[in-house]
Amino acid sequence: MKSMFPTQPSRFARLYGALALVGGVGITWAAFELGQVRAGHSRFAAMEREAELRAELAELRRANTELSEQVALLETDGRIKAEAYKTVEQQLSDLQAEIQKQSEDIAFYRGIVGDQTSGLRVQDFGLFPGAGPGDFSVRLVLAQALRNGRRVSGTVELAVQGERDGRSTVMKLGELRVDGPDRLSFSFRYFQNLEAALRLPSDFAPQSVTVRVRPKGKGNEPVEASFDWELRRG
């Protein structure tokens, strides 16, 4: 009986090649469109991009289902070598990571396009582990309604609430930032990414972070938002 093993890798290779092409196109377009939005692209372009991402995500999910079926097949077929299973399993993991990224891109565009009533706001906030113990990276996205169109600038203050030596303590960005000023500066029309590296004292247990956005100009009110200290995966 002719073994099926020689035909499997080529089949998976063709499938993964198609998936890589879809993912590559998606990443390229995402980078291009984000640049366009930063340059003043319209709300309609962002809506179109969201629709494109939805279509790409549907295709990735279809491929994910097919690969999942292949994994199940390999798990029950004793004639297939372990290496073939590992290859397909890795392809499935890569695909699922791409699906997650596409889903996050869609959520980001939906937030930018959908909220046309709010003014300046904290669109997204994340905390990520750093290189060493006590090192963290804080990343946030500021945004305003696309229809606004005017440039807004100002500064962002961060305060971390927690406990130190059994007492409730608040530590500000200037006390925690590895380098740079004690405030973050921003200037944008539609949205802007900000990031800062933090180093917490070993005896400080963080609980939450307060972000206070102070726009320049008469009549521009500060914006404040609080977030639990919850780390995300990089």
C-alpha atoms as a PDB file:
ATOM      1  CA  MET A   1       0.000   0.000   0.000  1.00  0.00           C
ATOM      2  CA  LYS A   2       1.443   3.353  -0.981  1.00  0.00           C
ATOM      3  CA  SER A   3       2.249   5.594   1.984  1.00  0.00           C
ATOM      4  CA  MET A   4       0.415   8.932   2.171  1.00  0.00           C
ATOM      5  CA  PHE A   5       3.317  10.639   3.969  1.00  0.00           C
ATOM      6  CA  PRO A   6       5.122  12.020   0.875  1.00  0.00           C
ATOM      7  CA  THR A   7       2.009  13.860  -0.260  1.00  0.00           C
ATOM      8  CA  GLN A   8       1.088  15.445   3.068  1.00  0.00           C
ATOM      9  CA  PRO A   9       3.967  17.949   3.499  1.00  0.00           C
ATOM     10  CA  SER A  10       3.488  19.363   0.006  1.00  0.00           C
ATOM     11  CA  ARG A  11      -0.211  19.776   0.637  1.00  0.00           C
ATOM     12  CA  PHE A  12       0.440  21.558   3.917  1.00  0.00           C
ATOM     13  CA  ALA A  13       3.166  23.632   2.289  1.00  0.00           C
ATOM     14  CA  ARG A  14       0.775  24.868  -0.408  1.00  0.00           C
ATOM     15  CA  LEU A  15      -1.867  25.632   2.224  1.00  0.00           C
ATOM     16  CA  TYR A  16       0.583  27.466   4.450  1.00  0.00           C
ATOM     17  CA  GLY A  17       1.975  29.370   1.476  1.00  0.00           C
ATOM     18  CA  ALA A  18      -1.509  30.655   0.709  1.00  0.00           C
ATOM     19  CA  LEU A  19      -2.008  31.599   4.354  1.00  0.00           C
ATOM     20  CA  ALA A  20       1.322  33.401   4.442  1.00  0.00           C
ATOM     21  CA  LEU A  21       0.302  35.352   1.336  1.00  0.00           C
ATOM     22  CA  VAL A  22      -3.005  36.362   2.941  1.00  0.00           C
ATOM     23  CA  GLY A  23      -1.250  37.370   6.157  1.00  0.00           C
ATOM     24  CA  GLY A  24       1.452  39.285   4.274  1.00  0.00           C
ATOM     25  CA  VAL A  25      -1.087  41.226   2.277  1.00  0.00           C
ATOM     26  CA  GLY A  26      -3.041  42.000   5.434  1.00  0.00           C
ATOM     27  CA  ILE A  27       0.025  43.275   7.278  1.00  0.00           C
ATOM     28  CA  THR A  28       1.154  45.376   4.304  1.00  0.00           C
ATOM     29  CA  TRP A  29      -2.252  46.992   3.900  1.00  0.00           C
ATOM     30  CA  ALA A  30      -2.577  47.570   7.639  1.00  0.00           C
ATOM     31  CA  ALA A  31       0.753  49.409   7.709  1.00  0.00           C
ATOM     32  CA  PHE A  32      -0.216  51.483   4.669  1.00  0.00           C
ATOM     33  CA  GLU A  33      -3.645  52.416   6.010  1.00  0.00           C
ATOM     34  CA  LEU A  34      -2.328  53.337   9.460  1.00  0.00           C
ATOM     35  CA  GLY A  35       0.089  55.696   7.756  1.00  0.00           C
ATOM     36  CA  GLN A  36      -2.770  57.159   5.755  1.00  0.00           C
ATOM     37  CA  VAL A  37      -4.840  57.808   8.868  1.00  0.00           C
ATOM     38  CA  ARG A  38      -1.884  59.515  10.542  1.00  0.00           C
ATOM     39  CA  ALA A  39      -1.543  61.688   7.441  1.00  0.00           C
ATOM     40  CA  GLY A  40      -5.183  62.797   7.613  1.00  0.00           C
ATOM     41  CA  HIS A  41      -7.046  60.032   5.767  1.00  0.00           C
ATOM     42  CA  SER A  42     -10.843  60.246   5.831  1.00  0.00           C
ATOM     43  CA  ARG A  43     -13.368  58.373   7.920  1.00  0.00           C
ATOM     44  CA  PHE A  44     -14.545  56.566   4.791  1.00  0.00           C
ATOM     45  CA  ALA A  45     -11.081  55.111   4.202  1.00  0.00           C
ATOM     46  CA  ALA A  46     -11.001  53.805   7.756  1.00  0.00           C
ATOM     47  CA  MET A  47     -14.450  52.227   7.238  1.00  0.00           C
ATOM     48  CA  GLU A  48     -13.249  50.596   4.027  1.00  0.00           C
ATOM     49  CA  ARG A  49     -10.179  49.245   5.830  1.00  0.00           C
ATOM     50  CA  GLU A  50     -12.354  47.792   8.557  1.00  0.00           C
ATOM     51  CA  ALA A  51     -14.432  45.989   5.909  1.00  0.00           C
ATOM     52  CA  GLU A  52     -11.266  44.646   4.258  1.00  0.00           C
ATOM     53  CA  LEU A  53      -9.962  43.394   7.586  1.00  0.00           C
ATOM     54  CA  ARG A  54     -13.266  41.637   8.229  1.00  0.00           C
ATOM     55  CA  ALA A  55     -12.997  39.842   4.880  1.00  0.00           C
ATOM     56  CA  GLU A  56      -9.374  38.854   5.566  1.00  0.00           C
ATOM     57  CA  LEU A  57     -10.324  37.633   9.025  1.00  0.00           C
ATOM     58  CA  ALA A  58     -13.107  35.459   7.577  1.00  0.00           C
ATOM     59  CA  GLU A  59     -10.598  33.882   5.176  1.00  0.00           C
ATOM     60  CA  LEU A  60      -8.104  33.281   7.997  1.00  0.00           C
ATOM     61  CA  ARG A  61     -10.781  31.660  10.140  1.00  0.00           C
ATOM     62  CA  ARG A  62     -11.763  29.395   7.239  1.00  0.00           C
ATOM     63  CA  ALA A  63      -8.135  28.348   6.862  1.00  0.00           C
ATOM     64  CA  ASN A  64      -7.860  27.889  10.627  1.00  0.00           C
ATOM     65  CA  THR A  65     -10.779  25.455  10.538  1.00  0.00           C
ATOM     66  CA  GLU A  66      -9.138  23.490   7.736  1.00  0.00           C
ATOM     67  CA  LEU A  67      -5.811  23.301   9.565  1.00  0.00           C
ATOM     68  CA  SER A  68      -7.564  22.248  12.782  1.00  0.00           C
ATOM     69  CA  GLU A  69      -9.132  19.363  10.863  1.00  0.00           C
ATOM     70  CA  GLN A  70      -5.705  18.407   9.512  1.00  0.00           C
ATOM     71  CA  VAL A  71      -4.266  18.387  13.037  1.00  0.00           C
ATOM     72  CA  ALA A  72      -7.074  16.113  14.224  1.00  0.00           C
ATOM     73  CA  LEU A  73      -6.385  13.815  11.262  1.00  0.00           C
ATOM     74  CA  LEU A  74      -2.676  13.645  12.058  1.00  0.00           C
ATOM     75  CA  GLU A  75      -3.372  12.894  15.713  1.00  0.00           C
ATOM     76  CA  THR A  76      -5.287   9.744  14.729  1.00  0.00           C
ATOM     77  CA  ASP A  77      -3.108   8.592  11.830  1.00  0.00           C
ATOM     78  CA  GLY A  78      -0.222   6.505  13.155  1.00  0.00           C
ATOM     79  CA  ARG A  79       1.410   6.316   9.738  1.00  0.00           C
ATOM     80  CA  ILE A  80       2.320  10.009   9.744  1.00  0.00           C
ATOM     81  CA  LYS A  81       5.620  10.870  11.323  1.00  0.00           C
ATOM     82  CA  ALA A  82       5.790  13.167  14.342  1.00  0.00           C
ATOM     83  CA  GLU A  83       7.639  15.828  12.324  1.00  0.00           C
ATOM     84  CA  ALA A  84       4.675  16.262   9.990  1.00  0.00           C
ATOM     85  CA  TYR A  85       2.400  16.768  12.969  1.00  0.00           C
ATOM     86  CA  LYS A  86       4.767  19.343  14.500  1.00  0.00           C
ATOM     87  CA  THR A  87       4.880  21.263  11.209  1.00  0.00           C
ATOM     88  CA  VAL A  88       1.107  21.510  10.922  1.00  0.00           C
ATOM     89  CA  GLU A  89       0.760  22.315  14.624  1.00  0.00           C
ATOM     90  CA  GLN A  90       3.211  25.233  14.227  1.00  0.00           C
ATOM     91  CA  GLN A  91       1.337  26.449  11.152  1.00  0.00           C
ATOM     92  CA  LEU A  92      -1.895  26.390  13.137  1.00  0.00           C
ATOM     93  CA  SER A  93      -0.294  28.347  15.991  1.00  0.00           C
ATOM     94  CA  ASP A  94       1.036  30.980  13.570  1.00  0.00           C
ATOM     95  CA  LEU A  95      -2.359  31.272  11.927  1.00  0.00           C
ATOM     96  CA  GLN A  96      -4.151  31.726  15.230  1.00  0.00           C
ATOM     97  CA  ALA A  97      -1.683  34.477  16.170  1.00  0.00           C
ATOM     98  CA  GLU A  98      -2.432  36.219  12.863  1.00  0.00           C
ATOM     99  CA  ILE A  99      -6.176  35.911  13.505  1.00  0.00           C
ATOM    100  CA  GLN A 100      -5.674  37.525  16.919  1.00  0.00           C
ATOM    101  CA  LYS A 101      -3.736  40.391  15.357  1.00  0.00           C
ATOM    102  CA  GLN A 102      -6.392  40.932  12.670  1.00  0.00           C
ATOM    103  CA  SER A 103      -9.113  40.930  15.344  1.00  0.00           C
ATOM    104  CA  GLU A 104      -7.226  43.584  17.322  1.00  0.00           C
ATOM    105  CA  ASP A 105      -6.783  45.712  14.175  1.00  0.00           C
ATOM    106  CA  ILE A 106     -10.519  45.502  13.485  1.00  0.00           C
ATOM    107  CA  ALA A 107     -11.334  46.496  17.069  1.00  0.00           C
ATOM    108  CA  PHE A 108      -8.958  49.458  16.796  1.00  0.00           C
ATOM    109  CA  TYR A 109     -10.498  50.735  13.551  1.00  0.00           C
ATOM    110  CA  ARG A 110     -14.002  50.149  14.888  1.00  0.00           C
ATOM    111  CA  GLY A 111     -13.158  52.310  17.899  1.00  0.00           C
ATOM    112  CA  ILE A 112     -11.690  55.098  15.750  1.00  0.00           C
ATOM    113  CA  VAL A 113     -14.527  55.074  13.208  1.00  0.00           C
ATOM    114  CA  GLY A 114     -17.439  54.281  15.485  1.00  0.00           C
ATOM    115  CA  ASP A 115     -16.985  56.938  18.167  1.00  0.00           C
ATOM    116  CA  GLN A 116     -17.781  60.182  16.377  1.00  0.00           C
ATOM    117  CA  THR A 117     -19.213  61.976  19.413  1.00  0.00           C
ATOM    118  CA  SER A 118     -16.387  61.822  21.938  1.00  0.00           C
ATOM    119  CA  GLY A 119     -13.625  64.374  21.963  1.00  0.00           C
ATOM    120  CA  LEU A 120     -10.137  63.611  23.154  1.00  0.00           C
ATOM    121  CA  ARG A 121      -9.958  60.191  24.815  1.00  0.00           C
ATOM    122  CA  VAL A 122      -7.690  57.294  25.849  1.00  0.00           C
ATOM    123  CA  GLN A 123      -8.498  54.827  23.071  1.00  0.00           C
ATOM    124  CA  ASP A 124      -6.343  51.978  24.379  1.00  0.00           C
ATOM    125  CA  PHE A 125      -4.067  51.239  27.340  1.00  0.00           C
ATOM    126  CA  GLY A 126      -1.720  48.323  27.975  1.00  0.00           C
ATOM    127  CA  LEU A 127       0.949  47.204  30.449  1.00  0.00           C
ATOM    128  CA  PHE A 128       3.671  44.800  29.322  1.00  0.00           C
ATOM    129  CA  PRO A 129       6.521  43.052  31.205  1.00  0.00           C
ATOM    130  CA  GLY A 130      10.000  44.470  30.646  1.00  0.00           C
ATOM    131  CA  ALA A 131      13.457  42.916  30.410  1.00  0.00           C
ATOM    132  CA  GLY A 132      14.103  42.514  34.131  1.00  0.00           C
ATOM    133  CA  PRO A 133      12.295  42.219  37.472  1.00  0.00           C
ATOM    134  CA  GLY A 134      10.374  45.394  38.208  1.00  0.00           C
ATOM    135  CA  ASP A 135      10.658  46.602  34.576  1.00  0.00           C
ATOM    136  CA  PHE A 136       7.476  47.333  32.655  1.00  0.00           C
ATOM    137  CA  SER A 137       6.356  49.100  29.504  1.00  0.00           C
ATOM    138  CA  VAL A 138       3.220  51.214  29.416  1.00  0.00           C
ATOM    139  CA  ARG A 139       1.616  51.873  26.041  1.00  0.00           C
ATOM    140  CA  LEU A 140      -1.426  53.970  25.289  1.00  0.00           C
ATOM    141  CA  VAL A 141      -3.284  55.308  22.289  1.00  0.00           C
ATOM    142  CA  LEU A 142      -4.897  58.754  22.365  1.00  0.00           C
ATOM    143  CA  ALA A 143      -7.609  59.534  19.823  1.00  0.00           C
ATOM    144  CA  GLN A 144     -10.331  61.977  18.908  1.00  0.00           C
ATOM    145  CA  ALA A 145     -13.263  61.867  16.471  1.00  0.00           C
ATOM    146  CA  LEU A 146     -12.196  61.733  12.806  1.00  0.00           C
ATOM    147  CA  ARG A 147     -14.668  64.482  11.954  1.00  0.00           C
ATOM    148  CA  ASN A 148     -12.858  66.828  14.325  1.00  0.00           C
ATOM    149  CA  GLY A 149      -9.825  67.215  12.092  1.00  0.00           C
ATOM    150  CA  ARG A 150      -8.050  69.846  14.186  1.00  0.00           C
ATOM    151  CA  ARG A 151      -4.660  69.131  15.725  1.00  0.00           C
ATOM    152  CA  VAL A 152      -4.615  68.681  19.470  1.00  0.00           C
ATOM    153  CA  SER A 153      -1.471  68.737  21.604  1.00  0.00           C
ATOM    154  CA  GLY A 154      -0.553  68.592  25.255  1.00  0.00           C
ATOM    155  CA  THR A 155       0.910  66.303  27.897  1.00  0.00           C
ATOM    156  CA  VAL A 156       0.020  63.053  29.656  1.00  0.00           C
ATOM    157  CA  GLU A 157       0.610  62.357  33.344  1.00  0.00           C
ATOM    158  CA  LEU A 158       0.678  58.845  34.807  1.00  0.00           C
ATOM    159  CA  ALA A 159       0.218  57.846  38.442  1.00  0.00           C
ATOM    160  CA  VAL A 160       0.502  54.276  39.730  1.00  0.00           C
ATOM    161  CA  GLN A 161      -1.512  53.420  42.841  1.00  0.00           C
ATOM    162  CA  GLY A 162      -0.390  50.553  45.082  1.00  0.00           C
ATOM    163  CA  GLU A 163       1.030  49.527  48.432  1.00  0.00           C
ATOM    164  CA  ARG A 164       4.500  50.063  49.873  1.00  0.00           C
ATOM    165  CA  ASP A 165       5.493  48.835  53.311  1.00  0.00           C
ATOM    166  CA  GLY A 166       1.834  48.121  54.003  1.00  0.00           C
ATOM    167  CA  ARG A 167       0.730  51.654  53.169  1.00  0.00           C
ATOM    168  CA  SER A 168      -1.321  52.963  50.270  1.00  0.00           C
ATOM    169  CA  THR A 169       1.099  54.799  47.966  1.00  0.00           C
ATOM    170  CA  VAL A 170       0.887  56.761  44.720  1.00  0.00           C
ATOM    171  CA  MET A 171       3.984  56.939  42.524  1.00  0.00           C
ATOM    172  CA  LYS A 172       4.135  59.334  39.568  1.00  0.00           C
ATOM    173  CA  LEU A 173       5.747  58.864  36.189  1.00  0.00           C
ATOM    174  CA  GLY A 174       8.786  60.929  37.146  1.00  0.00           C
ATOM    175  CA  GLU A 175       9.555  58.507  39.987  1.00  0.00           C
ATOM    176  CA  LEU A 176       9.151  55.395  37.862  1.00  0.00           C
ATOM    177  CA  ARG A 177      10.300  56.257  34.346  1.00  0.00           C
ATOM    178  CA  VAL A 178      13.618  54.723  33.315  1.00  0.00           C
ATOM    179  CA  ASP A 179      14.537  57.777  31.234  1.00  0.00           C
ATOM    180  CA  GLY A 180      12.894  60.911  29.894  1.00  0.00           C
ATOM    181  CA  PRO A 181      10.732  63.665  31.408  1.00  0.00           C
ATOM    182  CA  ASP A 182       8.027  63.118  34.006  1.00  0.00           C
ATOM    183  CA  ARG A 183       5.309  63.669  31.383  1.00  0.00           C
ATOM    184  CA  LEU A 184       4.558  62.327  27.919  1.00  0.00           C
ATOM    185  CA  SER A 185       3.931  64.815  25.110  1.00  0.00           C
ATOM    186  CA  PHE A 186       1.437  64.381  22.279  1.00  0.00           C
ATOM    187  CA  SER A 187       0.377  66.201  19.109  1.00  0.00           C
ATOM    188  CA  PHE A 188      -1.987  64.625  16.560  1.00  0.00           C
ATOM    189  CA  ARG A 189      -5.150  65.004  14.461  1.00  0.00           C
ATOM    190  CA  TYR A 190      -6.701  61.555  14.747  1.00  0.00           C
ATOM    191  CA  PHE A 191      -4.659  59.297  17.028  1.00  0.00           C
ATOM    192  CA  GLN A 192      -1.180  58.820  18.470  1.00  0.00           C
ATOM    193  CA  ASN A 193       0.701  55.975  20.165  1.00  0.00           C
ATOM    194  CA  LEU A 194       2.698  56.769  23.319  1.00  0.00           C
ATOM    195  CA  GLU A 195       5.041  54.530  25.293  1.00  0.00           C
ATOM    196  CA  ALA A 196       7.204  54.750  28.404  1.00  0.00           C
ATOM    197  CA  ALA A 197       9.517  52.316  30.205  1.00  0.00           C
ATOM    198  CA  LEU A 198       8.891  52.029  33.964  1.00  0.00           C
ATOM    199  CA  ARG A 199      10.932  50.539  36.798  1.00  0.00           C
ATOM    200  CA  LEU A 200       9.068  49.833  40.030  1.00  0.00           C
ATOM    201  CA  PRO A 201      10.735  49.542  43.448  1.00  0.00           C
ATOM    202  CA  SER A 202      10.940  45.944  44.669  1.00  0.00           C
ATOM    203  CA  ASP A 203       8.840  46.765  47.753  1.00  0.00           C
ATOM    204  CA  PHE A 204       6.042  48.444  45.760  1.00  0.00           C
ATOM    205  CA  ALA A 205       2.969  46.388  44.781  1.00  0.00           C
ATOM    206  CA  PRO A 206       1.060  48.179  41.957  1.00  0.00           C
ATOM    207  CA  GLN A 207      -2.732  47.965  41.815  1.00  0.00           C
ATOM    208  CA  SER A 208      -3.938  50.493  39.237  1.00  0.00           C
ATOM    209  CA  VAL A 209      -2.828  53.289  36.903  1.00  0.00           C
ATOM    210  CA  THR A 210      -4.445  56.689  36.387  1.00  0.00           C
ATOM    211  CA  VAL A 211      -3.885  58.460  33.080  1.00  0.00           C
ATOM    212  CA  ARG A 212      -4.503  62.207  33.000  1.00  0.00           C
ATOM    213  CA  VAL A 213      -4.446  63.882  29.582  1.00  0.00           C
ATOM    214  CA  ARG A 214      -3.937  67.656  29.623  1.00  0.00           C
ATOM    215  CA  PRO A 215      -4.583  69.280  26.223  1.00  0.00           C
ATOM    216  CA  LYS A 216      -3.278  72.748  25.523  1.00  0.00           C
ATOM    217  CA  GLY A 217      -5.572  75.626  24.645  1.00  0.00           C
ATOM    218  CA  LYS A 218      -8.305  77.591  26.313  1.00  0.00           C
ATOM    219  CA  GLY A 219     -11.437  75.626  27.030  1.00  0.00           C
ATOM    220  CA  ASN A 220      -9.827  72.200  26.574  1.00  0.00           C
ATOM    221  CA  GLU A 221     -10.648  70.162  29.641  1.00  0.00           C
ATOM    222  CA  PRO A 222      -8.316  67.448  31.009  1.00  0.00           C
ATOM    223  CA  VAL A 223      -9.314  63.841  30.375  1.00  0.00           C
ATOM    224  CA  GLU A 224      -8.783  61.189  33.040  1.00  0.00           C
ATOM    225  CA  ALA A 225      -9.041  57.400  32.910  1.00  0.00           C
ATOM    226  CA  SER A 226      -8.088  54.641  35.365  1.00  0.00           C
ATOM    227  CA  PHE A 227      -7.005  51.076  34.613  1.00  0.00           C
ATOM    228  CA  ASP A 228      -6.287  48.018  36.747  1.00  0.00           C
ATOM    229  CA  TRP A 229      -2.660  46.862  36.843  1.00  0.00           C
ATOM    230  CA  GLU A 230      -3.038  43.880  34.513  1.00  0.00           C
ATOM    231  CA  LEU A 231      -0.186  42.797  32.263  1.00  0.00           C
ATOM    232  CA  ARG A 232      -0.674  41.883  28.628  1.00  0.00           C
ATOM    233  CA  ARG A 233       1.413  39.521  26.580  1.00  0.00           C
ATOM    234  CA  GLY A 234       3.805  41.255  24.173  1.00  0.00           C
END
